[in-house]
Amino acid sequence: MRGLAATALALTPLASSAPAHAAETLPLAEAVASLQPAVESRDGYSRSAFRHWSTGDDPADGCNTRKEVLLDEAVEPPEVGASCRLTAGRG
């Protein structure tokens, strides 16, 4: 039995027969330019799962954290109505 195991071990290649590939190096600008953007997917996202939005910096203005972030990061600021209702603008 030991002889059979030794023979099997001797016949089993210890290393892959596929050649190793050298690491490819590119200048940073070329590497970034070669990246392919992925298609955005919101699968699995449920806004109702995020019930923890705080009242924001000023609880009296009616703007929760989400709305404050929208205001801070907007390219064109939205109009802020009663109870911090946001309209127009562009993100």
PDB file of N, CA and C in Angstrom:
ATOM      1  N   MET A   1       0.813  -1.188   0.000  1.00  0.00           N
ATOM      2  CA  MET A   1       0.000   0.000   0.000  1.00  0.00           C
ATOM      3  C   MET A   1       0.866   1.265   0.000  1.00  0.00           C
ATOM      4  N   ARG A   2       1.971   1.202   0.794  1.00  0.00           N
ATOM      5  CA  ARG A   2       2.854   2.369   0.834  1.00  0.00           C
ATOM      6  C   ARG A   2       3.480   2.629  -0.528  1.00  0.00           C
ATOM      7  N   GLY A   3       3.784   1.585  -1.228  1.00  0.00           N
ATOM      8  CA  GLY A   3       4.397   1.723  -2.546  1.00  0.00           C
ATOM      9  C   GLY A   3       3.456   2.393  -3.528  1.00  0.00           C
ATOM     10  N   LEU A   4       2.160   2.060  -3.430  1.00  0.00           N
ATOM     11  CA  LEU A   4       1.160   2.666  -4.307  1.00  0.00           C
ATOM     12  C   LEU A   4       1.017   4.156  -4.007  1.00  0.00           C
ATOM     13  N   ALA A   5       1.003   4.509  -2.726  1.00  0.00           N
ATOM     14  CA  ALA A   5       0.897   5.916  -2.340  1.00  0.00           C
ATOM     15  C   ALA A   5       2.130   6.695  -2.790  1.00  0.00           C
ATOM     16  N   ALA A   6       3.302   6.088  -2.651  1.00  0.00           N
ATOM     17  CA  ALA A   6       4.537   6.756  -3.062  1.00  0.00           C
ATOM     18  C   ALA A   6       4.566   6.959  -4.570  1.00  0.00           C
ATOM     19  N   THR A   7       4.096   5.972  -5.318  1.00  0.00           N
ATOM     20  CA  THR A   7       4.051   6.093  -6.777  1.00  0.00           C
ATOM     21  C   THR A   7       3.085   7.187  -7.198  1.00  0.00           C
ATOM     22  N   ALA A   8       1.908   7.224  -6.564  1.00  0.00           N
ATOM     23  CA  ALA A   8       0.919   8.255  -6.891  1.00  0.00           C
ATOM     24  C   ALA A   8       1.473   9.639  -6.593  1.00  0.00           C
ATOM     25  N   LEU A   9       2.161   9.765  -5.474  1.00  0.00           N
ATOM     26  CA  LEU A   9       2.744  11.055  -5.102  1.00  0.00           C
ATOM     27  C   LEU A   9       3.846  11.456  -6.085  1.00  0.00           C
ATOM     28  N   ALA A  10       4.635  10.509  -6.513  1.00  0.00           N
ATOM     29  CA  ALA A  10       5.721  10.802  -7.444  1.00  0.00           C
ATOM     30  C   ALA A  10       5.193  11.223  -8.806  1.00  0.00           C
ATOM     31  N   LEU A  11       4.045  10.698  -9.196  1.00  0.00           N
ATOM     32  CA  LEU A  11       3.482  11.025 -10.498  1.00  0.00           C
ATOM     33  C   LEU A  11       2.651  12.304 -10.487  1.00  0.00           C
ATOM     34  N   THR A  12       2.337  12.807  -9.317  1.00  0.00           N
ATOM     35  CA  THR A  12       1.552  14.036  -9.197  1.00  0.00           C
ATOM     36  C   THR A  12       2.488  15.229  -9.358  1.00  0.00           C
ATOM     37  N   PRO A  13       2.222  16.083 -10.329  1.00  0.00           N
ATOM     38  CA  PRO A  13       3.099  17.255 -10.493  1.00  0.00           C
ATOM     39  C   PRO A  13       2.994  18.173  -9.274  1.00  0.00           C
ATOM     40  N   LEU A  14       4.127  18.655  -8.845  1.00  0.00           N
ATOM     41  CA  LEU A  14       4.160  19.521  -7.670  1.00  0.00           C
ATOM     42  C   LEU A  14       3.851  20.966  -8.010  1.00  0.00           C
ATOM     43  N   ALA A  15       4.042  21.353  -9.234  1.00  0.00           N
ATOM     44  CA  ALA A  15       3.779  22.735  -9.639  1.00  0.00           C
ATOM     45  C   ALA A  15       2.864  22.717 -10.853  1.00  0.00           C
ATOM     46  N   SER A  16       2.154  23.773 -11.036  1.00  0.00           N
ATOM     47  CA  SER A  16       1.273  23.895 -12.188  1.00  0.00           C
ATOM     48  C   SER A  16       2.109  23.940 -13.455  1.00  0.00           C
ATOM     49  N   SER A  17       1.599  23.318 -14.500  1.00  0.00           N
ATOM     50  CA  SER A  17       2.333  23.327 -15.756  1.00  0.00           C
ATOM     51  C   SER A  17       2.106  24.617 -16.541  1.00  0.00           C
ATOM     52  N   ALA A  18       1.167  25.452 -16.086  1.00  0.00           N
ATOM     53  CA  ALA A  18       0.904  26.721 -16.764  1.00  0.00           C
ATOM     54  C   ALA A  18       2.016  27.711 -16.423  1.00  0.00           C
ATOM     55  N   PRO A  19       2.482  28.462 -17.402  1.00  0.00           N
ATOM     56  CA  PRO A  19       3.554  29.428 -17.125  1.00  0.00           C
ATOM     57  C   PRO A  19       3.046  30.571 -16.236  1.00  0.00           C
ATOM     58  N   ALA A  20       3.940  31.060 -15.408  1.00  0.00           N
ATOM     59  CA  ALA A  20       3.593  32.200 -14.555  1.00  0.00           C
ATOM     60  C   ALA A  20       3.560  33.461 -15.410  1.00  0.00           C
ATOM     61  N   HIS A  21       2.624  34.336 -15.128  1.00  0.00           N
ATOM     62  CA  HIS A  21       2.514  35.581 -15.878  1.00  0.00           C
ATOM     63  C   HIS A  21       3.201  36.696 -15.104  1.00  0.00           C
ATOM     64  N   ALA A  22       3.946  37.485 -15.806  1.00  0.00           N
ATOM     65  CA  ALA A  22       4.614  38.623 -15.183  1.00  0.00           C
ATOM     66  C   ALA A  22       3.575  39.690 -14.861  1.00  0.00           C
ATOM     67  N   ALA A  23       3.802  40.414 -13.798  1.00  0.00           N
ATOM     68  CA  ALA A  23       2.894  41.500 -13.430  1.00  0.00           C
ATOM     69  C   ALA A  23       2.950  42.580 -14.500  1.00  0.00           C
ATOM     70  N   GLU A  24       1.789  43.081 -14.862  1.00  0.00           N
ATOM     71  CA  GLU A  24       1.728  44.140 -15.867  1.00  0.00           C
ATOM     72  C   GLU A  24       1.791  45.481 -15.153  1.00  0.00           C
ATOM     73  N   THR A  25       2.666  46.346 -15.596  1.00  0.00           N
ATOM     74  CA  THR A  25       2.763  47.674 -14.995  1.00  0.00           C
ATOM     75  C   THR A  25       2.422  48.722 -16.039  1.00  0.00           C
ATOM     76  N   LEU A  26       1.663  49.709 -15.598  1.00  0.00           N
ATOM     77  CA  LEU A  26       1.251  50.818 -16.458  1.00  0.00           C
ATOM     78  C   LEU A  26       1.418  52.116 -15.695  1.00  0.00           C
ATOM     79  N   PRO A  27       1.633  53.213 -16.391  1.00  0.00           N
ATOM     80  CA  PRO A  27       1.572  54.511 -15.712  1.00  0.00           C
ATOM     81  C   PRO A  27       0.158  54.704 -15.150  1.00  0.00           C
ATOM     82  N   LEU A  28       0.051  55.423 -14.064  1.00  0.00           N
ATOM     83  CA  LEU A  28      -1.227  55.595 -13.386  1.00  0.00           C
ATOM     84  C   LEU A  28      -2.316  56.103 -14.322  1.00  0.00           C
ATOM     85  N   ALA A  29      -2.027  57.107 -15.125  1.00  0.00           N
ATOM     86  CA  ALA A  29      -3.041  57.676 -16.021  1.00  0.00           C
ATOM     87  C   ALA A  29      -3.575  56.626 -16.994  1.00  0.00           C
ATOM     88  N   GLU A  30      -2.684  55.765 -17.518  1.00  0.00           N
ATOM     89  CA  GLU A  30      -3.131  54.706 -18.429  1.00  0.00           C
ATOM     90  C   GLU A  30      -3.962  53.661 -17.692  1.00  0.00           C
ATOM     91  N   ALA A  31      -3.539  53.315 -16.485  1.00  0.00           N
ATOM     92  CA  ALA A  31      -4.280  52.328 -15.701  1.00  0.00           C
ATOM     93  C   ALA A  31      -5.686  52.831 -15.400  1.00  0.00           C
ATOM     94  N   VAL A  32      -5.804  54.091 -15.013  1.00  0.00           N
ATOM     95  CA  VAL A  32      -7.118  54.665 -14.716  1.00  0.00           C
ATOM     96  C   VAL A  32      -7.959  54.736 -15.983  1.00  0.00           C
ATOM     97  N   ALA A  33      -7.350  55.123 -17.093  1.00  0.00           N
ATOM     98  CA  ALA A  33      -8.084  55.221 -18.360  1.00  0.00           C
ATOM     99  C   ALA A  33      -8.584  53.863 -18.833  1.00  0.00           C
ATOM    100  N   SER A  34      -7.920  52.789 -18.426  1.00  0.00           N
ATOM    101  CA  SER A  34      -8.328  51.456 -18.873  1.00  0.00           C
ATOM    102  C   SER A  34      -9.473  50.872 -18.042  1.00  0.00           C
ATOM    103  N   LEU A  35      -9.833  51.511 -16.951  1.00  0.00           N
ATOM    104  CA  LEU A  35     -10.924  51.007 -16.110  1.00  0.00           C
ATOM    105  C   LEU A  35     -12.258  51.139 -16.826  1.00  0.00           C
ATOM    106  N   GLN A  36     -13.083  50.124 -16.707  1.00  0.00           N
ATOM    107  CA  GLN A  36     -14.414  50.134 -17.305  1.00  0.00           C
ATOM    108  C   GLN A  36     -15.433  50.424 -16.205  1.00  0.00           C
ATOM    109  N   PRO A  37     -16.234  51.479 -16.339  1.00  0.00           N
ATOM    110  CA  PRO A  37     -17.232  51.762 -15.304  1.00  0.00           C
ATOM    111  C   PRO A  37     -18.304  50.678 -15.286  1.00  0.00           C
ATOM    112  N   ALA A  38     -18.730  50.322 -14.111  1.00  0.00           N
ATOM    113  CA  ALA A  38     -19.777  49.313 -13.951  1.00  0.00           C
ATOM    114  C   ALA A  38     -21.141  49.975 -14.053  1.00  0.00           C
ATOM    115  N   VAL A  39     -22.112  49.214 -14.456  1.00  0.00           N
ATOM    116  CA  VAL A  39     -23.486  49.698 -14.511  1.00  0.00           C
ATOM    117  C   VAL A  39     -23.990  49.810 -13.074  1.00  0.00           C
ATOM    118  N   GLU A  40     -24.568  50.948 -12.738  1.00  0.00           N
ATOM    119  CA  GLU A  40     -25.075  51.148 -11.386  1.00  0.00           C
ATOM    120  C   GLU A  40     -26.261  50.236 -11.135  1.00  0.00           C
ATOM    121  N   SER A  41     -26.272  49.653  -9.967  1.00  0.00           N
ATOM    122  CA  SER A  41     -27.377  48.781  -9.584  1.00  0.00           C
ATOM    123  C   SER A  41     -27.833  49.153  -8.186  1.00  0.00           C
ATOM    124  N   ARG A  42     -29.106  49.332  -8.025  1.00  0.00           N
ATOM    125  CA  ARG A  42     -29.656  49.616  -6.703  1.00  0.00           C
ATOM    126  C   ARG A  42     -30.423  48.410  -6.167  1.00  0.00           C
ATOM    127  N   ASP A  43     -30.170  47.251  -6.753  1.00  0.00           N
ATOM    128  CA  ASP A  43     -30.803  46.031  -6.260  1.00  0.00           C
ATOM    129  C   ASP A  43     -30.423  45.837  -4.802  1.00  0.00           C
ATOM    130  N   GLY A  44     -31.373  45.493  -4.005  1.00  0.00           N
ATOM    131  CA  GLY A  44     -31.111  45.261  -2.595  1.00  0.00           C
ATOM    132  C   GLY A  44     -31.203  46.511  -1.740  1.00  0.00           C
ATOM    133  N   TYR A  45     -31.334  47.695  -2.357  1.00  0.00           N
ATOM    134  CA  TYR A  45     -31.450  48.935  -1.585  1.00  0.00           C
ATOM    135  C   TYR A  45     -32.912  49.199  -1.282  1.00  0.00           C
ATOM    136  N   SER A  46     -33.190  49.494  -0.050  1.00  0.00           N
ATOM    137  CA  SER A  46     -34.543  49.853   0.354  1.00  0.00           C
ATOM    138  C   SER A  46     -34.443  51.064   1.273  1.00  0.00           C
ATOM    139  N   ARG A  47     -34.948  52.185   0.816  1.00  0.00           N
ATOM    140  CA  ARG A  47     -34.851  53.416   1.602  1.00  0.00           C
ATOM    141  C   ARG A  47     -35.462  53.244   2.987  1.00  0.00           C
ATOM    142  N   SER A  48     -36.518  52.434   3.085  1.00  0.00           N
ATOM    143  CA  SER A  48     -37.173  52.241   4.382  1.00  0.00           C
ATOM    144  C   SER A  48     -36.269  51.514   5.378  1.00  0.00           C
ATOM    145  N   ALA A  49     -35.195  50.889   4.910  1.00  0.00           N
ATOM    146  CA  ALA A  49     -34.266  50.208   5.810  1.00  0.00           C
ATOM    147  C   ALA A  49     -33.395  51.204   6.577  1.00  0.00           C
ATOM    148  N   PHE A  50     -33.421  52.465   6.176  1.00  0.00           N
ATOM    149  CA  PHE A  50     -32.592  53.486   6.815  1.00  0.00           C
ATOM    150  C   PHE A  50     -33.481  54.460   7.589  1.00  0.00           C
ATOM    151  N   ARG A  51     -34.033  53.984   8.656  1.00  0.00           N
ATOM    152  CA  ARG A  51     -34.937  54.798   9.481  1.00  0.00           C
ATOM    153  C   ARG A  51     -34.170  55.649  10.495  1.00  0.00           C
ATOM    154  N   HIS A  52     -32.873  55.580  10.488  1.00  0.00           N
ATOM    155  CA  HIS A  52     -32.064  56.215  11.523  1.00  0.00           C
ATOM    156  C   HIS A  52     -31.608  57.635  11.197  1.00  0.00           C
ATOM    157  N   TRP A  53     -32.135  58.244  10.148  1.00  0.00           N
ATOM    158  CA  TRP A  53     -31.712  59.611   9.832  1.00  0.00           C
ATOM    159  C   TRP A  53     -31.996  60.502  11.037  1.00  0.00           C
ATOM    160  N   SER A  54     -30.983  61.236  11.446  1.00  0.00           N
ATOM    161  CA  SER A  54     -31.148  62.095  12.616  1.00  0.00           C
ATOM    162  C   SER A  54     -31.862  63.385  12.226  1.00  0.00           C
ATOM    163  N   THR A  55     -32.093  64.215  13.201  1.00  0.00           N
ATOM    164  CA  THR A  55     -32.771  65.489  12.950  1.00  0.00           C
ATOM    165  C   THR A  55     -31.829  66.525  12.364  1.00  0.00           C
ATOM    166  N   GLY A  56     -30.564  66.184  12.158  1.00  0.00           N
ATOM    167  CA  GLY A  56     -29.628  67.106  11.527  1.00  0.00           C
ATOM    168  C   GLY A  56     -29.024  68.088  12.507  1.00  0.00           C
ATOM    169  N   ASP A  57     -28.321  69.086  11.950  1.00  0.00           N
ATOM    170  CA  ASP A  57     -27.627  70.073  12.783  1.00  0.00           C
ATOM    171  C   ASP A  57     -28.586  70.952  13.570  1.00  0.00           C
ATOM    172  N   ASP A  58     -29.694  71.328  12.949  1.00  0.00           N
ATOM    173  CA  ASP A  58     -30.660  72.223  13.597  1.00  0.00           C
ATOM    174  C   ASP A  58     -32.034  71.558  13.575  1.00  0.00           C
ATOM    175  N   PRO A  59     -32.429  70.908  14.664  1.00  0.00           N
ATOM    176  CA  PRO A  59     -33.716  70.205  14.686  1.00  0.00           C
ATOM    177  C   PRO A  59     -34.909  71.113  14.376  1.00  0.00           C
ATOM    178  N   ALA A  60     -34.761  72.408  14.586  1.00  0.00           N
ATOM    179  CA  ALA A  60     -35.880  73.330  14.375  1.00  0.00           C
ATOM    180  C   ALA A  60     -36.169  73.585  12.898  1.00  0.00           C
ATOM    181  N   ASP A  61     -35.175  73.349  11.992  1.00  0.00           N
ATOM    182  CA  ASP A  61     -35.407  73.674  10.585  1.00  0.00           C
ATOM    183  C   ASP A  61     -36.127  72.566   9.812  1.00  0.00           C
ATOM    184  N   GLY A  62     -36.293  71.399  10.425  1.00  0.00           N
ATOM    185  CA  GLY A  62     -37.012  70.312   9.767  1.00  0.00           C
ATOM    186  C   GLY A  62     -36.172  69.509   8.800  1.00  0.00           C
ATOM    187  N   CYS A  63     -34.896  69.840   8.635  1.00  0.00           N
ATOM    188  CA  CYS A  63     -34.024  69.113   7.705  1.00  0.00           C
ATOM    189  C   CYS A  63     -33.304  67.979   8.435  1.00  0.00           C
ATOM    190  N   ASN A  64     -33.574  66.743   8.013  1.00  0.00           N
ATOM    191  CA  ASN A  64     -32.852  65.621   8.602  1.00  0.00           C
ATOM    192  C   ASN A  64     -31.478  65.502   7.941  1.00  0.00           C
ATOM    193  N   THR A  65     -30.684  64.559   8.396  1.00  0.00           N
ATOM    194  CA  THR A  65     -29.325  64.403   7.878  1.00  0.00           C
ATOM    195  C   THR A  65     -29.319  64.188   6.379  1.00  0.00           C
ATOM    196  N   ARG A  66     -30.214  63.360   5.863  1.00  0.00           N
ATOM    197  CA  ARG A  66     -30.264  63.084   4.423  1.00  0.00           C
ATOM    198  C   ARG A  66     -30.462  64.371   3.635  1.00  0.00           C
ATOM    199  N   LYS A  67     -31.410  65.187   4.060  1.00  0.00           N
ATOM    200  CA  LYS A  67     -31.689  66.430   3.337  1.00  0.00           C
ATOM    201  C   LYS A  67     -30.530  67.411   3.459  1.00  0.00           C
ATOM    202  N   GLU A  68     -29.871  67.441   4.621  1.00  0.00           N
ATOM    203  CA  GLU A  68     -28.715  68.321   4.779  1.00  0.00           C
ATOM    204  C   GLU A  68     -27.582  67.908   3.843  1.00  0.00           C
ATOM    205  N   VAL A  69     -27.378  66.601   3.661  1.00  0.00           N
ATOM    206  CA  VAL A  69     -26.347  66.127   2.738  1.00  0.00           C
ATOM    207  C   VAL A  69     -26.718  66.508   1.310  1.00  0.00           C
ATOM    208  N   LEU A  70     -27.990  66.350   0.940  1.00  0.00           N
ATOM    209  CA  LEU A  70     -28.433  66.753  -0.395  1.00  0.00           C
ATOM    210  C   LEU A  70     -28.180  68.240  -0.625  1.00  0.00           C
ATOM    211  N   LEU A  71     -28.464  69.058   0.377  1.00  0.00           N
ATOM    212  CA  LEU A  71     -28.221  70.500   0.265  1.00  0.00           C
ATOM    213  C   LEU A  71     -26.727  70.803   0.139  1.00  0.00           C
ATOM    214  N   ASP A  72     -25.910  70.151   0.959  1.00  0.00           N
ATOM    215  CA  ASP A  72     -24.465  70.406   0.957  1.00  0.00           C
ATOM    216  C   ASP A  72     -23.788  69.964  -0.333  1.00  0.00           C
ATOM    217  N   GLU A  73     -24.252  68.868  -0.929  1.00  0.00           N
ATOM    218  CA  GLU A  73     -23.554  68.296  -2.078  1.00  0.00           C
ATOM    219  C   GLU A  73     -24.202  68.606  -3.419  1.00  0.00           C
ATOM    220  N   ALA A  74     -25.252  69.399  -3.423  1.00  0.00           N
ATOM    221  CA  ALA A  74     -25.949  69.709  -4.674  1.00  0.00           C
ATOM    222  C   ALA A  74     -25.094  70.584  -5.581  1.00  0.00           C
ATOM    223  N   VAL A  75     -25.098  70.269  -6.884  1.00  0.00           N
ATOM    224  CA  VAL A  75     -24.424  71.106  -7.874  1.00  0.00           C
ATOM    225  C   VAL A  75     -25.203  72.404  -8.023  1.00  0.00           C
ATOM    226  N   GLU A  76     -26.514  72.282  -8.115  1.00  0.00           N
ATOM    227  CA  GLU A  76     -27.419  73.432  -8.104  1.00  0.00           C
ATOM    228  C   GLU A  76     -28.325  73.247  -6.893  1.00  0.00           C
ATOM    229  N   PRO A  77     -28.174  74.076  -5.871  1.00  0.00           N
ATOM    230  CA  PRO A  77     -28.949  73.894  -4.644  1.00  0.00           C
ATOM    231  C   PRO A  77     -30.453  73.900  -4.902  1.00  0.00           C
ATOM    232  N   PRO A  78     -31.180  72.988  -4.256  1.00  0.00           N
ATOM    233  CA  PRO A  78     -32.632  72.973  -4.403  1.00  0.00           C
ATOM    234  C   PRO A  78     -33.265  74.089  -3.590  1.00  0.00           C
ATOM    235  N   GLU A  79     -34.523  74.350  -3.892  1.00  0.00           N
ATOM    236  CA  GLU A  79     -35.278  75.299  -3.075  1.00  0.00           C
ATOM    237  C   GLU A  79     -35.739  74.559  -1.829  1.00  0.00           C
ATOM    238  N   VAL A  80     -35.668  75.241  -0.689  1.00  0.00           N
ATOM    239  CA  VAL A  80     -36.056  74.633   0.579  1.00  0.00           C
ATOM    240  C   VAL A  80     -37.384  75.227   1.003  1.00  0.00           C
ATOM    241  N   GLY A  81     -38.405  74.382   1.057  1.00  0.00           N
ATOM    242  CA  GLY A  81     -39.734  74.832   1.439  1.00  0.00           C
ATOM    243  C   GLY A  81     -40.031  74.535   2.895  1.00  0.00           C
ATOM    244  N   ALA A  82     -41.294  74.644   3.247  1.00  0.00           N
ATOM    245  CA  ALA A  82     -41.737  74.370   4.616  1.00  0.00           C
ATOM    246  C   ALA A  82     -41.359  72.943   5.007  1.00  0.00           C
ATOM    247  N   SER A  83     -40.972  72.756   6.241  1.00  0.00           N
ATOM    248  CA  SER A  83     -40.547  71.456   6.779  1.00  0.00           C
ATOM    249  C   SER A  83     -39.398  70.856   5.978  1.00  0.00           C
ATOM    250  N   CYS A  84     -38.579  71.729   5.396  1.00  0.00           N
ATOM    251  CA  CYS A  84     -37.396  71.335   4.627  1.00  0.00           C
ATOM    252  C   CYS A  84     -37.758  70.505   3.399  1.00  0.00           C
ATOM    253  N   ARG A  85     -38.867  70.798   2.773  1.00  0.00           N
ATOM    254  CA  ARG A  85     -39.245  70.112   1.534  1.00  0.00           C
ATOM    255  C   ARG A  85     -38.341  70.638   0.426  1.00  0.00           C
ATOM    256  N   LEU A  86     -37.592  69.739  -0.223  1.00  0.00           N
ATOM    257  CA  LEU A  86     -36.632  70.127  -1.250  1.00  0.00           C
ATOM    258  C   LEU A  86     -37.250  69.967  -2.629  1.00  0.00           C
ATOM    259  N   THR A  87     -37.123  71.004  -3.453  1.00  0.00           N
ATOM    260  CA  THR A  87     -37.614  70.939  -4.828  1.00  0.00           C
ATOM    261  C   THR A  87     -36.570  71.520  -5.765  1.00  0.00           C
ATOM    262  N   ALA A  88     -36.570  71.053  -7.000  1.00  0.00           N
ATOM    263  CA  ALA A  88     -35.632  71.482  -8.044  1.00  0.00           C
ATOM    264  C   ALA A  88     -34.222  71.074  -7.662  1.00  0.00           C
ATOM    265  N   GLY A  89     -33.240  71.858  -8.022  1.00  0.00           N
ATOM    266  CA  GLY A  89     -31.849  71.540  -7.731  1.00  0.00           C
ATOM    267  C   GLY A  89     -31.347  70.419  -8.611  1.00  0.00           C
ATOM    268  N   ARG A  90     -30.049  70.152  -8.485  1.00  0.00           N
ATOM    269  CA  ARG A  90     -29.429  69.086  -9.264  1.00  0.00           C
ATOM    270  C   ARG A  90     -28.235  68.565  -8.489  1.00  0.00           C
ATOM    271  N   GLY A  91     -28.153  67.241  -8.386  1.00  0.00           N
ATOM    272  CA  GLY A  91     -27.073  66.595  -7.637  1.00  0.00           C
ATOM    273  C   GLY A  91     -25.959  66.199  -8.419  1.00  0.00           C
TER     274      GLY A  91
END
